[in-house]
N, C-alpha and C. Protein backbone atom coordinates (compact mmCIF):
# COMPACT_ATOMS: atom_id res chain seq x y z
N MET A 1 52.37 48.16 34.07
CA MET A 1 51.39 49.04 33.45
C MET A 1 50.87 48.44 32.14
N ILE A 2 51.74 47.82 31.36
CA ILE A 2 51.31 47.25 30.08
C ILE A 2 50.39 46.06 30.30
N LEU A 3 50.71 45.21 31.28
CA LEU A 3 49.88 44.03 31.54
C LEU A 3 48.46 44.41 31.96
N GLN A 4 48.30 45.51 32.66
CA GLN A 4 46.97 45.93 33.10
C GLN A 4 46.11 46.34 31.91
N THR A 5 46.69 46.77 30.83
CA THR A 5 45.90 47.15 29.66
C THR A 5 45.63 45.96 28.75
N ILE A 6 46.47 44.92 28.78
CA ILE A 6 46.29 43.76 27.90
C ILE A 6 45.30 42.76 28.50
N ILE A 7 45.36 42.52 29.79
CA ILE A 7 44.54 41.47 30.42
C ILE A 7 43.04 41.69 30.20
N PRO A 8 42.48 42.89 30.34
CA PRO A 8 41.04 43.04 30.15
C PRO A 8 40.57 42.77 28.72
N LEU A 9 41.48 42.71 27.75
CA LEU A 9 41.07 42.47 26.36
C LEU A 9 40.69 41.01 26.13
N VAL A 10 41.07 40.13 27.05
CA VAL A 10 40.78 38.70 26.88
C VAL A 10 39.57 38.35 27.72
N ASN A 11 38.52 37.84 27.05
CA ASN A 11 37.32 37.41 27.75
C ASN A 11 37.25 35.89 27.67
N TRP A 12 37.79 35.23 28.71
CA TRP A 12 37.89 33.76 28.67
C TRP A 12 36.52 33.11 28.71
N GLY A 13 35.56 33.72 29.40
CA GLY A 13 34.22 33.13 29.48
C GLY A 13 33.56 33.04 28.12
N MET A 14 33.61 34.12 27.35
CA MET A 14 32.98 34.11 26.03
C MET A 14 33.73 33.19 25.07
N GLY A 15 35.04 33.17 25.15
CA GLY A 15 35.82 32.30 24.27
C GLY A 15 35.53 30.84 24.55
N THR A 16 35.45 30.49 25.81
CA THR A 16 35.15 29.10 26.17
C THR A 16 33.75 28.72 25.70
N ALA A 17 32.80 29.62 25.87
CA ALA A 17 31.42 29.34 25.43
C ALA A 17 31.37 29.14 23.92
N LEU A 18 32.08 29.95 23.17
CA LEU A 18 32.08 29.81 21.71
C LEU A 18 32.72 28.49 21.28
N ILE A 19 33.79 28.09 21.95
CA ILE A 19 34.43 26.81 21.62
C ILE A 19 33.49 25.65 21.92
N ILE A 20 32.78 25.71 23.04
CA ILE A 20 31.83 24.64 23.39
C ILE A 20 30.70 24.58 22.37
N VAL A 21 30.16 25.73 21.99
CA VAL A 21 29.08 25.76 21.00
C VAL A 21 29.57 25.22 19.67
N PHE A 22 30.76 25.60 19.26
CA PHE A 22 31.34 25.11 18.00
C PHE A 22 31.51 23.59 18.05
N GLY A 23 31.98 23.07 19.17
CA GLY A 23 32.15 21.63 19.32
C GLY A 23 30.83 20.89 19.25
N VAL A 24 29.80 21.43 19.90
CA VAL A 24 28.48 20.79 19.87
C VAL A 24 27.93 20.78 18.45
N VAL A 25 28.09 21.87 17.72
CA VAL A 25 27.61 21.94 16.34
C VAL A 25 28.35 20.93 15.47
N CYS A 26 29.65 20.81 15.65
CA CYS A 26 30.43 19.84 14.87
C CYS A 26 29.98 18.41 15.16
N VAL A 27 29.78 18.08 16.42
CA VAL A 27 29.33 16.74 16.78
C VAL A 27 27.94 16.47 16.19
N ALA A 28 27.05 17.45 16.25
CA ALA A 28 25.71 17.28 15.69
C ALA A 28 25.77 17.05 14.18
N LEU A 29 26.64 17.77 13.48
CA LEU A 29 26.76 17.58 12.03
C LEU A 29 27.33 16.21 11.70
N VAL A 30 28.30 15.74 12.46
CA VAL A 30 28.87 14.41 12.23
C VAL A 30 27.80 13.35 12.43
N ILE A 31 27.01 13.46 13.49
CA ILE A 31 25.94 12.49 13.75
C ILE A 31 24.91 12.53 12.61
N LEU A 32 24.59 13.71 12.13
CA LEU A 32 23.64 13.84 11.03
C LEU A 32 24.15 13.15 9.77
N VAL A 33 25.41 13.35 9.45
CA VAL A 33 25.99 12.73 8.25
C VAL A 33 26.03 11.21 8.40
N VAL A 34 26.41 10.71 9.57
CA VAL A 34 26.45 9.27 9.80
C VAL A 34 25.05 8.67 9.66
N ASN A 35 24.05 9.36 10.19
CA ASN A 35 22.68 8.87 10.06
C ASN A 35 22.24 8.86 8.60
N MET A 36 22.61 9.85 7.83
CA MET A 36 22.25 9.88 6.41
C MET A 36 22.92 8.74 5.66
N ILE A 37 24.18 8.46 5.96
CA ILE A 37 24.90 7.37 5.30
C ILE A 37 24.24 6.03 5.64
N ASN A 38 23.91 5.84 6.90
CA ASN A 38 23.30 4.57 7.31
C ASN A 38 21.91 4.40 6.71
N SER A 39 21.14 5.46 6.59
CA SER A 39 19.81 5.33 6.01
C SER A 39 19.90 5.04 4.51
N ASP A 40 20.90 5.55 3.83
CA ASP A 40 21.08 5.25 2.40
C ASP A 40 21.42 3.78 2.20
N LYS A 41 22.23 3.21 3.07
CA LYS A 41 22.61 1.80 2.93
C LYS A 41 21.38 0.90 3.13
N LYS A 42 20.52 1.23 4.06
CA LYS A 42 19.33 0.42 4.31
C LYS A 42 18.39 0.46 3.11
N LYS A 43 18.23 1.61 2.47
CA LYS A 43 17.34 1.73 1.32
C LYS A 43 17.87 0.94 0.12
N LYS A 44 19.19 0.92 -0.10
CA LYS A 44 19.76 0.23 -1.24
C LYS A 44 19.64 -1.28 -1.11
N LYS A 45 19.65 -1.82 0.12
CA LYS A 45 19.55 -3.26 0.32
C LYS A 45 18.17 -3.79 -0.05
N ASP A 46 17.12 -3.00 0.15
CA ASP A 46 15.76 -3.45 -0.13
C ASP A 46 15.44 -3.55 -1.59
């Protein structure tokens, strides 16, 4: 009886989607920072 009330509280689909979105945002931010660092190095050499 207790397990039947606990199981519906977990929504694995939404949790997985949020983790994927969070991962994509983190990867995008890392790529953005790396691009900014590389563009700064090119400007300083000139």
